[in-house]
Every structure is written in C-alpha cells, then in structure tokens.
Amino acid sequence: MNKKIVVIKYITLIIVLLLIGIGIGGYRLLWAPNFMPEKTVYVYIDRQKDFEDLCTQLKDSAACLHIKNFKQLAKILKYPSNMKTGRYAVTPGMNNLSLLRNLRRGQQATTRITFNNIRLKTDLAERISEQLMFDKDELSQLLNDSSYCASLGFTTGTIMALFIPNTYEVYWNISAENFMQRMLREYKAFWTEQRLEKAAKTGLSPIEIAILASIVEEETAATDEYPIVAGLYMNRLHKGIPLQADPTIKFALGNFALQRILFEHLEVESPYNTYKYAGLPPGLLRIPTIKGLDAVLNYTPHKYLYMCAKEDFSGRHNFAVTLAEHNRNANRYRAELNKRKIR
C-alpha cells in the first residue's frame, strides 16, 4: 500500500478519534446528566455566598456527580464573576448547561411563604426573614418607620393590618421593601368592594375592623364565638361603653400569659387600656386571620354587653345582657380560679 495513503488514513483516524473524544468530552461537560437528587432540591445564593460555597452546596444537596465538569463550564461561561442571588431548582438528571443557564439569567424558582399566629412586629419580622433572604432588621426598620408606614396608609401601630395571613408565592431574594409592596397589593385585593361595603355599614374603617378582629381573636380560641364576641364589642362601641377587653390589658402590660386580670392591672397607663379609654385602641394586638376579619364584618346581632370565661376552662364564654347576670357568671369563674389557686 502506498505509504502516503497509509499516512493519510492514520492522520484521519487520529482526527476522528480526537473529534470523538472532543464530542464525548463536550457531551459530558454540557449535556450529560450531572445532578441526581432523589427529588427536586433548591440551592440558595445570598449576598455573601461565593462560587465555592455554591459548589459545596451542589455536592452536598444536589448529588453532583462531577463537580469538576460543572466548575469548568462555569468558568468558560464566566459565571463565577456574575453570580445572582436567588433560590434555584435542581431537578433529577439536570445537566450543567441547563443549571448554569438558570443561574446566569437569575431564573429562579418561587418560594411559598406563610405567616400566622403573629402578635408582635418582631415576631413577624423573624418569621418572614426565616423564609426569605433579607434580614429581620431590614423588615423591622420599615415596620417601625412612621414616614414609610404613612406612605402606605398606616401608622406604626396599625401597620400589622396590612398583612393578610395566607400562602404567597414570591422570589426568595425579594427585598424587604418589595415584600411590603406585595403585601399592599394583597391587602387591596382582600378588601373587595363587598367587604368595604360591609365595613362601612359597621361604621368602622378596614383598619378599625382589623383592630377589633385582633381583640376578638385574643379574647376567644373558639372560632364559632368570633361573630358573637364581635357583636358584643360592636354593641359597646355603638353605645359608647368602654370595651373593657382583658386582652388589651395583657397587651399594655406586655404579658399575654396572664391568667387572671387583677384590679391593679387595670390601672396600667396605656392607650391600649380599654378599661380607662373608650373606643378602639390605637393599634392591633395581633395579625387577625381572614376568618377573624370576616367575623367582624359579619358579626352576630344580639343584645349582649358582657362576657366572662366559662368556669369549666373550656376556653368558651358565658354571655350576658345585664350586669347582674354578668356578675353571677364572673363569680362562678372567680370561684373556680380560687379553687385552682390561679393568682
């Protein structure tokens, strides 16, 4: 055989092998499955996280098979110097190119946040910051900024009325201010024309409805009592009688664990002391639920002016129209408190 032909064939074979090698290498680098978690997992990139931190997270959480391949492609695409914060999904069988495309574009997965059973602004800031990237102090600063709260239509005492407990989908790296704006949109969506009409019929604003709902929910754990308790307080408001709501005393004292309200507690000087001051307090005792808000909007009409916890400690209440009837209920409850040595 002609030596020249042999050389050409040899060179051709080498080129083919090189191309095959390059193709295999390229496939492994770009398209071969490189992440094999049992189910979709999420990696988080905050302001402090660097590329090596991300790689560690991919190895530990996303079952990365060949981290060197991921690093190599990331450097080719100049990703390490252009990292974007966010929460990113890594699906079973995902390849390097797909993940890096999402990372480079900031194409993150949304996250669901929830908040309920929140009393104080500090509690809210902590609960939300546990679920999102921003620090609790960033949210606390906005919640306590009188000018900022005023720009949204609230005071620092009523800002908690902005938050309607539900499940919301947001991006994990949303800023604290953008989160507040999102909550404002949800607040406006909640207060439909129908709810606003019902609020107007009660003579209360949406914020005042929320304040009263917060008292109702602190007053009873029995949700079926919500409309009855709301109706009782409506009667007192319309008659100009002080609410005399024990939860407002606990709030004023900063002690929600109080089991027995004594006369000395009623002397606390606070605008939240509804034994001293008629009308609604200046702010919320907690973030009321949708059920609590709707219970106030749809309160039960009746003639009750008084309520007292039942002596069986069921968490329910005895309601009364007259003071004499209420005193009998209260005496039975106090007797049981004494019997159980609750001071």
Protein backbone atom coordinates (compact mmCIF):
# COMPACT_ATOMS: atom_id res chain seq x y z
CA MET A 1 0.00 0.00 0.00
CA ASN A 2 1.20 3.47 -0.81
CA LYS A 3 2.89 4.97 2.23
CA LYS A 4 1.22 8.30 1.56
CA ILE A 5 -2.22 6.71 1.70
CA VAL A 6 -1.30 4.96 4.95
CA VAL A 7 -0.21 8.25 6.49
CA ILE A 8 -3.42 9.95 5.37
CA LYS A 9 -5.52 7.14 6.86
CA TYR A 10 -3.54 7.29 10.07
CA ILE A 11 -4.00 11.05 10.34
CA THR A 12 -7.67 10.73 9.50
CA LEU A 13 -8.10 8.10 12.22
CA ILE A 14 -6.38 10.35 14.73
CA ILE A 15 -8.64 13.28 13.77
CA VAL A 16 -11.73 11.11 14.04
CA LEU A 17 -10.65 9.84 17.44
CA LEU A 18 -9.91 13.38 18.56
CA LEU A 19 -13.32 14.54 17.35
CA ILE A 20 -14.98 11.64 19.12
CA GLY A 21 -13.05 12.47 22.26
CA ILE A 22 -13.97 16.13 21.98
CA GLY A 23 -17.60 15.16 21.37
CA ILE A 24 -17.70 12.88 24.39
CA GLY A 25 -15.97 15.49 26.49
CA GLY A 26 -18.32 18.18 25.25
CA TYR A 27 -21.33 15.98 25.94
CA ARG A 28 -20.14 15.29 29.48
CA LEU A 29 -19.40 18.96 30.01
CA LEU A 30 -22.65 20.31 28.57
CA TRP A 31 -25.48 17.80 28.29
CA ALA A 32 -24.75 14.70 30.33
CA PRO A 33 -26.88 14.38 33.50
CA ASN A 34 -24.69 15.65 36.32
CA PHE A 35 -27.13 16.19 39.18
CA MET A 36 -29.02 13.20 40.56
CA PRO A 37 -31.00 14.18 43.67
CA GLU A 38 -33.90 11.87 44.55
CA LYS A 39 -36.30 14.77 44.00
CA THR A 40 -36.06 18.43 43.06
CA VAL A 41 -33.88 20.33 45.51
CA TYR A 42 -33.09 24.01 45.80
CA VAL A 43 -29.82 25.86 46.16
CA TYR A 44 -29.70 29.29 47.74
CA ILE A 45 -27.34 32.10 46.80
CA ASP A 46 -27.30 35.12 49.09
CA ARG A 47 -25.14 38.23 49.03
CA GLN A 48 -22.33 36.54 50.95
CA LYS A 49 -22.17 33.23 49.10
CA ASP A 50 -19.27 32.75 46.65
CA PHE A 51 -18.77 30.21 43.86
CA GLU A 52 -17.04 27.65 46.07
CA ASP A 53 -19.92 27.83 48.55
CA LEU A 54 -22.31 27.07 45.70
CA CYS A 55 -20.22 24.12 44.55
CA THR A 56 -20.21 22.72 48.07
CA GLN A 57 -23.98 23.05 48.23
CA LEU A 58 -24.32 21.28 44.87
CA LYS A 59 -22.21 18.38 46.10
CA ASP A 60 -23.96 18.11 49.46
CA SER A 61 -27.57 18.75 48.45
CA ALA A 62 -27.90 18.17 44.71
CA ALA A 63 -25.91 14.91 44.36
CA CYS A 64 -23.50 16.37 41.81
CA LEU A 65 -21.63 13.54 40.04
CA HIS A 66 -18.74 15.54 38.55
CA ILE A 67 -18.23 18.91 40.21
CA LYS A 68 -15.06 19.50 38.18
CA ASN A 69 -17.12 19.47 34.97
CA PHE A 70 -19.55 21.98 36.45
CA LYS A 71 -16.71 24.24 37.54
CA GLN A 72 -15.05 24.01 34.13
CA LEU A 73 -18.17 25.02 32.22
CA ALA A 74 -18.97 27.73 34.77
CA LYS A 75 -15.57 29.31 34.18
CA ILE A 76 -15.95 29.07 30.39
CA LEU A 77 -19.27 30.89 30.70
CA LYS A 78 -17.72 33.41 33.14
CA TYR A 79 -20.36 32.63 35.73
CA PRO A 80 -18.29 32.86 38.96
CA SER A 81 -17.85 36.61 38.48
CA ASN A 82 -21.55 37.15 37.63
CA MET A 83 -23.42 35.25 40.32
CA LYS A 84 -27.00 36.35 41.01
CA THR A 85 -28.79 35.88 44.31
CA GLY A 86 -31.81 33.62 44.43
CA ARG A 87 -33.34 30.22 45.04
CA TYR A 88 -32.68 27.83 42.16
CA ALA A 89 -34.21 24.44 41.40
CA VAL A 90 -32.00 21.44 40.65
CA THR A 91 -34.03 18.60 39.16
CA PRO A 92 -33.05 14.91 38.91
CA GLY A 93 -30.96 14.33 35.77
CA MET A 94 -30.25 18.02 35.22
CA ASN A 95 -27.16 18.87 33.17
CA ASN A 96 -24.55 21.55 33.72
CA LEU A 97 -25.70 23.76 30.86
CA SER A 98 -29.34 23.88 31.97
CA LEU A 99 -28.44 24.75 35.54
CA LEU A 100 -25.89 27.35 34.54
CA ARG A 101 -28.33 28.99 32.15
CA ASN A 102 -30.77 29.45 35.03
CA LEU A 103 -28.04 30.65 37.37
CA ARG A 104 -26.61 33.16 34.88
CA ARG A 105 -30.04 34.56 33.98
CA GLY A 106 -31.23 34.71 37.58
CA GLN A 107 -34.09 32.42 36.54
CA GLN A 108 -35.04 31.22 39.99
CA ALA A 109 -37.90 29.21 41.42
CA THR A 110 -40.54 30.93 43.53
CA THR A 111 -40.93 30.06 47.18
CA ARG A 112 -44.09 29.85 49.25
CA ILE A 113 -44.25 31.88 52.42
CA THR A 114 -46.80 31.71 55.20
CA PHE A 115 -47.34 33.59 58.43
CA ASN A 116 -49.99 33.09 61.08
CA ASN A 117 -50.42 33.37 64.82
CA ILE A 118 -48.32 36.55 64.86
CA ARG A 119 -48.65 39.00 67.74
CA LEU A 120 -45.76 41.44 67.54
CA LYS A 121 -43.85 43.14 64.75
CA THR A 122 -40.68 41.48 65.99
CA ASP A 123 -42.39 38.10 65.61
CA LEU A 124 -43.45 38.96 62.07
CA ALA A 125 -40.00 40.16 61.02
CA GLU A 126 -38.43 37.00 62.38
CA ARG A 127 -40.98 34.66 60.79
CA ILE A 128 -40.68 36.26 57.35
CA SER A 129 -36.88 36.53 57.42
CA GLU A 130 -36.69 32.81 58.19
CA GLN A 131 -38.33 32.18 54.82
CA LEU A 132 -36.68 34.86 52.65
CA MET A 133 -33.22 36.24 52.02
CA PHE A 134 -33.48 39.63 53.70
CA ASP A 135 -32.56 40.09 57.36
CA LYS A 136 -35.23 40.60 60.01
CA ASP A 137 -33.78 44.02 60.84
CA GLU A 138 -34.47 45.21 57.29
CA LEU A 139 -38.17 44.47 57.69
CA SER A 140 -38.31 45.73 61.28
CA GLN A 141 -36.89 49.06 60.17
CA LEU A 142 -39.74 49.53 57.68
CA LEU A 143 -42.40 48.40 60.15
CA ASN A 144 -41.20 50.98 62.67
CA ASP A 145 -40.63 53.85 60.24
CA SER A 146 -43.55 56.23 60.75
CA SER A 147 -42.99 58.04 57.44
CA TYR A 148 -42.80 54.82 55.47
CA CYS A 149 -45.89 53.38 57.17
CA ALA A 150 -47.75 56.61 56.45
CA SER A 151 -46.86 56.32 52.77
CA LEU A 152 -48.75 53.00 52.74
CA GLY A 153 -51.73 54.42 54.62
CA PHE A 154 -50.92 53.12 58.10
CA THR A 155 -49.24 54.11 61.36
CA THR A 156 -46.57 52.09 63.13
CA GLY A 157 -49.36 50.89 65.41
CA THR A 158 -51.69 49.81 62.61
CA ILE A 159 -49.16 48.55 60.05
CA MET A 160 -49.88 44.95 61.09
CA ALA A 161 -53.32 45.35 59.48
CA LEU A 162 -51.52 45.36 56.13
CA PHE A 163 -50.75 41.65 56.44
CA ILE A 164 -53.46 39.19 55.49
CA PRO A 165 -52.44 35.69 56.65
CA ASN A 166 -52.30 33.39 53.65
CA THR A 167 -49.82 31.50 51.50
CA TYR A 168 -47.96 33.65 48.98
CA GLU A 169 -45.50 32.84 46.21
CA VAL A 170 -42.56 35.23 45.94
CA TYR A 171 -38.94 35.12 44.90
CA TRP A 172 -36.64 34.24 47.76
CA ASN A 173 -34.36 37.23 47.12
CA ILE A 174 -37.18 39.80 47.16
CA SER A 175 -36.18 42.96 49.03
CA ALA A 176 -37.93 43.94 52.25
CA GLU A 177 -39.49 46.99 50.59
CA ASN A 178 -40.72 44.99 47.59
CA PHE A 179 -42.17 42.47 50.00
CA MET A 180 -44.10 45.28 51.69
CA GLN A 181 -45.37 46.46 48.32
CA ARG A 182 -46.51 42.92 47.53
CA MET A 183 -48.38 42.78 50.83
CA LEU A 184 -50.02 46.12 50.00
CA ARG A 185 -51.32 44.67 46.73
CA GLU A 186 -52.64 41.63 48.59
CA TYR A 187 -54.28 43.91 51.17
CA LYS A 188 -56.08 45.88 48.46
CA ALA A 189 -57.15 42.65 46.78
CA PHE A 190 -58.57 41.35 50.06
CA TRP A 191 -60.60 44.49 50.69
CA THR A 192 -63.06 43.93 47.89
CA GLU A 193 -65.96 46.27 47.22
CA GLN A 194 -68.23 43.86 49.08
CA ARG A 195 -66.04 43.84 52.19
CA LEU A 196 -65.67 47.62 52.07
CA GLU A 197 -69.46 47.98 51.94
CA LYS A 198 -69.83 45.72 54.97
CA ALA A 199 -67.19 47.70 56.85
CA ALA A 200 -69.00 50.95 56.05
CA LYS A 201 -72.23 49.52 57.50
CA THR A 202 -70.47 48.81 60.80
CA GLY A 203 -69.20 52.37 60.94
CA LEU A 204 -65.60 51.16 61.03
CA SER A 205 -62.73 51.52 58.57
CA PRO A 206 -60.85 48.44 57.31
CA ILE A 207 -58.04 49.22 59.76
CA GLU A 208 -60.51 49.51 62.64
CA ILE A 209 -62.08 46.22 61.56
CA ALA A 210 -58.62 44.65 61.84
CA ILE A 211 -58.05 46.17 65.29
CA LEU A 212 -61.35 44.78 66.55
CA ALA A 213 -60.68 41.40 64.92
CA SER A 214 -57.34 41.24 66.74
CA ILE A 215 -59.13 41.76 70.06
CA VAL A 216 -61.78 39.16 69.21
CA GLU A 217 -59.15 36.55 68.36
CA GLU A 218 -57.24 37.22 71.57
CA GLU A 219 -60.48 37.02 73.54
CA THR A 220 -61.57 33.56 72.43
CA ALA A 221 -59.98 30.48 70.91
CA ALA A 222 -63.40 29.17 69.81
CA THR A 223 -63.78 30.36 66.22
CA ASP A 224 -67.55 29.87 66.31
CA GLU A 225 -67.65 32.53 69.06
CA TYR A 226 -65.90 35.13 66.88
CA PRO A 227 -69.11 36.66 65.43
CA ILE A 228 -70.78 36.70 68.88
CA VAL A 229 -67.82 38.40 70.57
CA ALA A 230 -67.56 40.84 67.66
CA GLY A 231 -71.27 41.66 68.06
CA LEU A 232 -70.77 42.29 71.78
CA TYR A 233 -67.98 44.77 71.14
CA MET A 234 -70.00 46.41 68.38
CA ASN A 235 -72.80 46.95 70.90
CA ARG A 236 -70.37 48.59 73.28
CA LEU A 237 -68.85 50.79 70.58
CA HIS A 238 -72.24 51.95 69.37
CA LYS A 239 -73.38 52.72 72.94
CA GLY A 240 -70.12 54.49 73.83
CA ILE A 241 -69.34 51.94 76.55
CA PRO A 242 -65.64 51.16 77.11
CA LEU A 243 -64.74 47.79 75.61
CA GLN A 244 -63.15 46.57 78.85
CA ALA A 245 -61.35 43.85 76.88
CA ASP A 246 -58.89 41.90 79.01
CA PRO A 247 -56.55 41.14 76.04
CA THR A 248 -55.85 44.86 75.70
CA ILE A 249 -54.64 44.90 79.31
CA LYS A 250 -52.33 41.97 78.62
CA PHE A 251 -51.00 43.81 75.56
CA ALA A 252 -50.47 47.01 77.53
CA LEU A 253 -48.57 45.07 80.19
CA GLY A 254 -46.63 43.09 77.58
CA ASN A 255 -47.70 39.84 79.23
CA PHE A 256 -50.02 37.59 77.22
CA ALA A 257 -49.52 34.74 79.70
CA LEU A 258 -51.58 36.43 82.42
CA GLN A 259 -54.31 34.03 83.53
CA ARG A 260 -56.01 36.40 85.91
CA ILE A 261 -56.57 40.12 85.44
CA LEU A 262 -56.45 41.91 88.79
CA PHE A 263 -57.66 45.40 89.69
CA GLU A 264 -54.05 46.55 89.88
CA HIS A 265 -53.57 45.50 86.25
CA LEU A 266 -56.49 47.69 85.20
CA GLU A 267 -54.58 50.76 86.40
CA VAL A 268 -51.86 50.46 83.76
CA GLU A 269 -51.45 53.74 81.92
CA SER A 270 -51.67 52.95 78.24
CA PRO A 271 -53.82 53.94 75.25
CA TYR A 272 -54.44 50.20 74.94
CA ASN A 273 -56.17 50.11 78.34
CA THR A 274 -59.78 49.77 77.21
CA TYR A 275 -60.96 49.92 80.82
CA LYS A 276 -59.68 53.50 81.03
CA TYR A 277 -60.29 54.68 77.50
CA ALA A 278 -63.43 54.20 75.43
CA GLY A 279 -63.33 53.18 71.81
CA LEU A 280 -60.80 51.06 69.99
CA PRO A 281 -57.12 51.05 70.96
CA PRO A 282 -54.71 52.75 68.55
CA GLY A 283 -53.31 49.52 67.12
CA LEU A 284 -53.64 45.79 66.70
CA LEU A 285 -52.95 43.16 69.37
CA ARG A 286 -52.05 40.61 66.70
CA ILE A 287 -52.42 39.97 62.98
CA PRO A 288 -56.00 38.71 62.67
CA THR A 289 -56.90 35.82 60.41
CA ILE A 290 -59.22 36.11 57.43
CA LYS A 291 -61.81 34.24 59.49
CA GLY A 292 -61.47 36.82 62.26
CA LEU A 293 -61.78 39.76 59.88
CA ASP A 294 -64.85 38.28 58.22
CA ALA A 295 -66.37 37.51 61.63
CA VAL A 296 -66.26 41.21 62.48
CA LEU A 297 -67.67 42.17 59.10
CA ASN A 298 -70.45 39.62 59.59
CA TYR A 299 -70.89 39.95 63.34
CA THR A 300 -73.92 38.41 65.05
CA PRO A 301 -76.58 40.99 66.04
CA HIS A 302 -77.66 40.47 69.67
CA LYS A 303 -78.04 42.41 72.93
CA TYR A 304 -75.04 41.04 74.83
CA LEU A 305 -72.85 43.63 76.57
CA TYR A 306 -70.85 41.36 78.87
CA MET A 307 -68.81 38.18 78.58
CA CYS A 308 -66.87 36.02 81.01
CA ALA A 309 -64.80 32.89 80.53
CA LYS A 310 -66.69 29.74 81.42
CA GLU A 311 -65.78 28.21 84.74
CA ASP A 312 -65.08 24.85 83.08
CA PHE A 313 -61.95 26.37 81.50
CA SER A 314 -63.06 25.14 78.08
CA GLY A 315 -61.92 28.41 76.52
CA ARG A 316 -65.51 29.31 75.78
CA HIS A 317 -67.59 32.12 77.31
CA ASN A 318 -70.81 32.93 79.09
CA PHE A 319 -72.52 35.99 77.59
CA ALA A 320 -74.85 38.34 79.42
CA VAL A 321 -77.17 41.24 78.66
CA THR A 322 -77.29 42.69 82.17
CA LEU A 323 -74.57 43.48 84.67
CA ALA A 324 -76.31 41.41 87.33
CA GLU A 325 -76.25 38.34 85.09
CA HIS A 326 -72.61 39.02 84.22
CA ASN A 327 -71.65 39.30 87.89
CA ARG A 328 -73.13 35.87 88.57
CA ASN A 329 -71.08 34.44 85.70
CA ALA A 330 -67.95 36.24 86.91
CA ASN A 331 -68.40 35.00 90.47
CA ARG A 332 -68.56 31.39 89.30
CA TYR A 333 -65.40 31.90 87.26
CA ARG A 334 -63.52 33.61 90.11
CA ALA A 335 -64.52 30.81 92.47
CA GLU A 336 -63.01 28.29 90.10
CA LEU A 337 -59.84 30.38 89.79
CA ASN A 338 -59.52 30.40 93.57
CA LYS A 339 -60.22 26.69 93.74
CA ARG A 340 -57.41 26.03 91.26
CA LYS A 341 -55.18 28.55 93.09
CA ILE A 342 -54.66 30.64 89.97
CA ARG A 343 -53.44 34.04 91.08
